[in-house]
Amino acid sequence: MNENYEDIMKIAFQAEEAIDEQIIDKYGKVYKDKQILIKEGEIQQKIFWIQKGNVYITRKMGTKYKVLTTLGAGEIIGEMSFFDKSVRSATVIAKGEVEVLVFSKKDFADIFSASPQWTKRFFLSLSHRIKIMIEKLNML
């Protein structure tokens, strides 16, 4: 059995209520302002759950990075590589100090499959992001 199983099931069923010192010690990471969490083009299958702070989701266009959106506490990032095993499609940069929980693909798979609340959480996040992108497109 996975040594993280008990913690993972706690997170799966209790979500934010499960976060204590033990969870933070095991999965927590702090990023400083402008530090990169995810780099476009990399092959990495870590999933990040933002606890505090905000991140820029950017995409390289020519020699510059364009900010697509800003995401904050409660959002899950890095999930595309979880589902399709692709390279990272965007660069994620800390906007100020950011606290996240970082999960391996295996641990996140266990969380995701154990509790329906994570499916709901994922789809709400995805629909929110689609809405933001549609609003941005309408402004062009």
C-alpha atoms as a PDB file:
ATOM      1  CA  MET A   1       0.000   0.000   0.000  1.00  0.00           C
ATOM      2  CA  ASN A   2       1.167   3.513  -0.806  1.00  0.00           C
ATOM      3  CA  GLU A   3       2.787   5.114   2.262  1.00  0.00           C
ATOM      4  CA  ASN A   4       0.829   8.296   1.503  1.00  0.00           C
ATOM      5  CA  TYR A   5      -2.515   6.496   1.257  1.00  0.00           C
ATOM      6  CA  GLU A   6      -3.961   7.719   4.565  1.00  0.00           C
ATOM      7  CA  ASP A   7      -3.089  11.360   3.831  1.00  0.00           C
ATOM      8  CA  ILE A   8      -4.345  11.097   0.267  1.00  0.00           C
ATOM      9  CA  MET A   9      -7.701   9.660   1.382  1.00  0.00           C
ATOM     10  CA  LYS A  10      -7.974  12.389   4.020  1.00  0.00           C
ATOM     11  CA  ILE A  11      -7.503  15.018   1.293  1.00  0.00           C
ATOM     12  CA  ALA A  12      -9.878  13.192  -1.055  1.00  0.00           C
ATOM     13  CA  PHE A  13     -12.767  13.244   1.382  1.00  0.00           C
ATOM     14  CA  GLN A  14     -12.091  16.311   3.530  1.00  0.00           C
ATOM     15  CA  ALA A  15     -10.454  18.639   0.950  1.00  0.00           C
ATOM     16  CA  GLU A  16      -9.480  21.938   2.637  1.00  0.00           C
ATOM     17  CA  GLU A  17     -10.456  20.605   6.078  1.00  0.00           C
ATOM     18  CA  ALA A  18      -7.746  17.947   5.738  1.00  0.00           C
ATOM     19  CA  ILE A  19      -4.939  20.464   5.493  1.00  0.00           C
ATOM     20  CA  ASP A  20      -2.853  20.392   8.647  1.00  0.00           C
ATOM     21  CA  GLU A  21       0.856  20.633   9.467  1.00  0.00           C
ATOM     22  CA  GLN A  22       1.468  17.016   8.431  1.00  0.00           C
ATOM     23  CA  ILE A  23      -0.123  17.564   4.998  1.00  0.00           C
ATOM     24  CA  ILE A  24       1.742  20.848   4.517  1.00  0.00           C
ATOM     25  CA  ASP A  25       5.056  19.252   5.537  1.00  0.00           C
ATOM     26  CA  LYS A  26       4.537  16.394   3.102  1.00  0.00           C
ATOM     27  CA  TYR A  27       2.999  18.173   0.084  1.00  0.00           C
ATOM     28  CA  GLY A  28       3.410  21.904   0.677  1.00  0.00           C
ATOM     29  CA  LYS A  29       5.673  24.198  -1.266  1.00  0.00           C
ATOM     30  CA  VAL A  30       6.099  27.974  -1.271  1.00  0.00           C
ATOM     31  CA  TYR A  31       7.036  29.883  -4.404  1.00  0.00           C
ATOM     32  CA  LYS A  32       8.401  33.413  -4.325  1.00  0.00           C
ATOM     33  CA  ASP A  33       7.241  36.251  -6.565  1.00  0.00           C
ATOM     34  CA  LYS A  34       8.000  35.574 -10.253  1.00  0.00           C
ATOM     35  CA  GLN A  35       9.209  32.037  -9.549  1.00  0.00           C
ATOM     36  CA  ILE A  36       8.142  29.476 -12.170  1.00  0.00           C
ATOM     37  CA  LEU A  37       5.937  26.584 -11.032  1.00  0.00           C
ATOM     38  CA  ILE A  38       5.442  25.047 -14.474  1.00  0.00           C
ATOM     39  CA  LYS A  39       7.423  25.730 -17.641  1.00  0.00           C
ATOM     40  CA  GLU A  40       5.827  25.487 -21.077  1.00  0.00           C
ATOM     41  CA  GLY A  41       7.193  22.552 -23.080  1.00  0.00           C
ATOM     42  CA  GLU A  42       8.433  20.561 -20.075  1.00  0.00           C
ATOM     43  CA  ILE A  43       7.403  17.006 -19.432  1.00  0.00           C
ATOM     44  CA  GLN A  44       6.290  16.991 -15.829  1.00  0.00           C
ATOM     45  CA  GLN A  45       3.268  15.352 -14.281  1.00  0.00           C
ATOM     46  CA  LYS A  46       2.913  17.159 -10.983  1.00  0.00           C
ATOM     47  CA  ILE A  47      -0.437  18.655 -10.062  1.00  0.00           C
ATOM     48  CA  PHE A  48      -0.583  21.840  -7.974  1.00  0.00           C
ATOM     49  CA  TRP A  49      -3.461  22.858  -5.698  1.00  0.00           C
ATOM     50  CA  ILE A  50      -3.152  26.581  -4.911  1.00  0.00           C
ATOM     51  CA  GLN A  51      -3.706  27.310  -1.222  1.00  0.00           C
ATOM     52  CA  LYS A  52      -2.739  30.986  -0.995  1.00  0.00           C
ATOM     53  CA  GLY A  53      -1.752  33.608  -3.509  1.00  0.00           C
ATOM     54  CA  ASN A  54      -2.130  33.919  -7.260  1.00  0.00           C
ATOM     55  CA  VAL A  55      -0.356  32.686 -10.366  1.00  0.00           C
ATOM     56  CA  TYR A  56      -0.120  33.958 -13.917  1.00  0.00           C
ATOM     57  CA  ILE A  57      -0.876  31.445 -16.644  1.00  0.00           C
ATOM     58  CA  THR A  58       1.283  32.546 -19.566  1.00  0.00           C
ATOM     59  CA  ARG A  59       2.090  31.385 -23.062  1.00  0.00           C
ATOM     60  CA  LYS A  60       5.197  32.204 -25.054  1.00  0.00           C
ATOM     61  CA  MET A  61       4.423  34.205 -28.188  1.00  0.00           C
ATOM     62  CA  GLY A  62       7.538  34.960 -30.156  1.00  0.00           C
ATOM     63  CA  THR A  63      10.132  36.134 -27.656  1.00  0.00           C
ATOM     64  CA  LYS A  64       7.653  37.356 -25.024  1.00  0.00           C
ATOM     65  CA  TYR A  65       5.212  35.763 -22.616  1.00  0.00           C
ATOM     66  CA  LYS A  66       1.545  36.745 -22.785  1.00  0.00           C
ATOM     67  CA  VAL A  67      -0.600  36.439 -19.658  1.00  0.00           C
ATOM     68  CA  LEU A  68      -3.667  34.374 -20.495  1.00  0.00           C
ATOM     69  CA  THR A  69      -5.260  34.540 -17.058  1.00  0.00           C
ATOM     70  CA  THR A  70      -4.597  34.750 -13.339  1.00  0.00           C
ATOM     71  CA  LEU A  71      -5.659  31.942 -10.998  1.00  0.00           C
ATOM     72  CA  GLY A  72      -5.816  31.879  -7.221  1.00  0.00           C
ATOM     73  CA  ALA A  73      -6.598  29.896  -4.099  1.00  0.00           C
ATOM     74  CA  GLY A  74      -8.585  26.722  -4.652  1.00  0.00           C
ATOM     75  CA  GLU A  75      -7.537  26.282  -8.262  1.00  0.00           C
ATOM     76  CA  ILE A  76      -5.836  23.140  -9.504  1.00  0.00           C
ATOM     77  CA  ILE A  77      -3.127  23.608 -12.109  1.00  0.00           C
ATOM     78  CA  GLY A  78      -1.123  21.127 -14.134  1.00  0.00           C
ATOM     79  CA  GLU A  79      -4.150  18.921 -14.627  1.00  0.00           C
ATOM     80  CA  MET A  80      -3.881  18.726 -18.432  1.00  0.00           C
ATOM     81  CA  SER A  81      -0.754  16.593 -18.246  1.00  0.00           C
ATOM     82  CA  PHE A  82      -2.567  14.388 -15.739  1.00  0.00           C
ATOM     83  CA  PHE A  83      -5.253  13.548 -18.282  1.00  0.00           C
ATOM     84  CA  ASP A  84      -3.382  13.473 -21.581  1.00  0.00           C
ATOM     85  CA  LYS A  85       0.323  12.957 -20.716  1.00  0.00           C
ATOM     86  CA  SER A  86       1.282  15.907 -22.900  1.00  0.00           C
ATOM     87  CA  VAL A  87       4.037  18.441 -22.450  1.00  0.00           C
ATOM     88  CA  ARG A  88       3.165  21.526 -20.448  1.00  0.00           C
ATOM     89  CA  SER A  89       1.092  23.891 -22.571  1.00  0.00           C
ATOM     90  CA  ALA A  90       1.759  27.049 -20.556  1.00  0.00           C
ATOM     91  CA  THR A  91       4.191  28.606 -18.115  1.00  0.00           C
ATOM     92  CA  VAL A  92       2.821  29.270 -14.639  1.00  0.00           C
ATOM     93  CA  ILE A  93       4.504  32.071 -12.695  1.00  0.00           C
ATOM     94  CA  ALA A  94       3.932  33.120  -9.083  1.00  0.00           C
ATOM     95  CA  LYS A  95       2.307  36.539  -8.678  1.00  0.00           C
ATOM     96  CA  GLY A  96       3.688  37.368  -5.257  1.00  0.00           C
ATOM     97  CA  GLU A  97       4.238  34.579  -2.757  1.00  0.00           C
ATOM     98  CA  VAL A  98       2.219  31.455  -3.522  1.00  0.00           C
ATOM     99  CA  GLU A  99       1.565  28.435  -1.324  1.00  0.00           C
ATOM    100  CA  VAL A 100       0.598  25.186  -3.036  1.00  0.00           C
ATOM    101  CA  LEU A 101       0.185  21.513  -2.351  1.00  0.00           C
ATOM    102  CA  VAL A 102       2.050  19.454  -4.957  1.00  0.00           C
ATOM    103  CA  PHE A 103       0.914  15.950  -5.854  1.00  0.00           C
ATOM    104  CA  SER A 104       2.424  13.238  -7.990  1.00  0.00           C
ATOM    105  CA  LYS A 105       0.273  11.876 -10.784  1.00  0.00           C
ATOM    106  CA  LYS A 106      -0.339   8.697  -8.745  1.00  0.00           C
ATOM    107  CA  ASP A 107      -1.388  10.555  -5.597  1.00  0.00           C
ATOM    108  CA  PHE A 108      -3.690  12.876  -7.535  1.00  0.00           C
ATOM    109  CA  ALA A 109      -5.211   9.903  -9.363  1.00  0.00           C
ATOM    110  CA  ASP A 110      -6.051   8.373  -5.989  1.00  0.00           C
ATOM    111  CA  ILE A 111      -7.583  11.636  -4.742  1.00  0.00           C
ATOM    112  CA  PHE A 112      -9.532  12.176  -7.949  1.00  0.00           C
ATOM    113  CA  SER A 113     -10.926   8.641  -8.113  1.00  0.00           C
ATOM    114  CA  ALA A 114     -11.749   8.325  -4.400  1.00  0.00           C
ATOM    115  CA  SER A 115     -14.228  11.163  -4.089  1.00  0.00           C
ATOM    116  CA  PRO A 116     -16.777  12.656  -6.503  1.00  0.00           C
ATOM    117  CA  GLN A 117     -16.216  16.100  -5.012  1.00  0.00           C
ATOM    118  CA  TRP A 118     -12.944  16.323  -6.963  1.00  0.00           C
ATOM    119  CA  THR A 119     -14.685  15.667 -10.271  1.00  0.00           C
ATOM    120  CA  LYS A 120     -17.142  18.440  -9.437  1.00  0.00           C
ATOM    121  CA  ARG A 121     -14.296  20.724  -8.293  1.00  0.00           C
ATOM    122  CA  PHE A 122     -12.380  20.063 -11.501  1.00  0.00           C
ATOM    123  CA  PHE A 123     -15.350  20.775 -13.782  1.00  0.00           C
ATOM    124  CA  LEU A 124     -16.272  23.970 -11.909  1.00  0.00           C
ATOM    125  CA  SER A 125     -12.683  25.175 -12.275  1.00  0.00           C
ATOM    126  CA  LEU A 126     -12.600  24.254 -15.953  1.00  0.00           C
ATOM    127  CA  SER A 127     -15.914  25.972 -16.702  1.00  0.00           C
ATOM    128  CA  HIS A 128     -14.683  29.092 -14.858  1.00  0.00           C
ATOM    129  CA  ARG A 129     -11.542  29.153 -17.007  1.00  0.00           C
ATOM    130  CA  ILE A 130     -13.542  28.685 -20.223  1.00  0.00           C
ATOM    131  CA  LYS A 131     -15.827  31.559 -19.235  1.00  0.00           C
ATOM    132  CA  ILE A 132     -12.813  33.831 -18.656  1.00  0.00           C
ATOM    133  CA  MET A 133     -11.321  32.890 -22.030  1.00  0.00           C
ATOM    134  CA  ILE A 134     -14.635  33.540 -23.833  1.00  0.00           C
ATOM    135  CA  GLU A 135     -14.859  36.964 -22.173  1.00  0.00           C
ATOM    136  CA  LYS A 136     -11.300  37.750 -23.298  1.00  0.00           C
ATOM    137  CA  LEU A 137     -12.065  36.636 -26.851  1.00  0.00           C
ATOM    138  CA  ASN A 138     -15.172  38.825 -26.931  1.00  0.00           C
ATOM    139  CA  MET A 139     -13.002  41.806 -26.024  1.00  0.00           C
ATOM    140  CA  LEU A 140     -10.773  41.347 -29.091  1.00  0.00           C
END
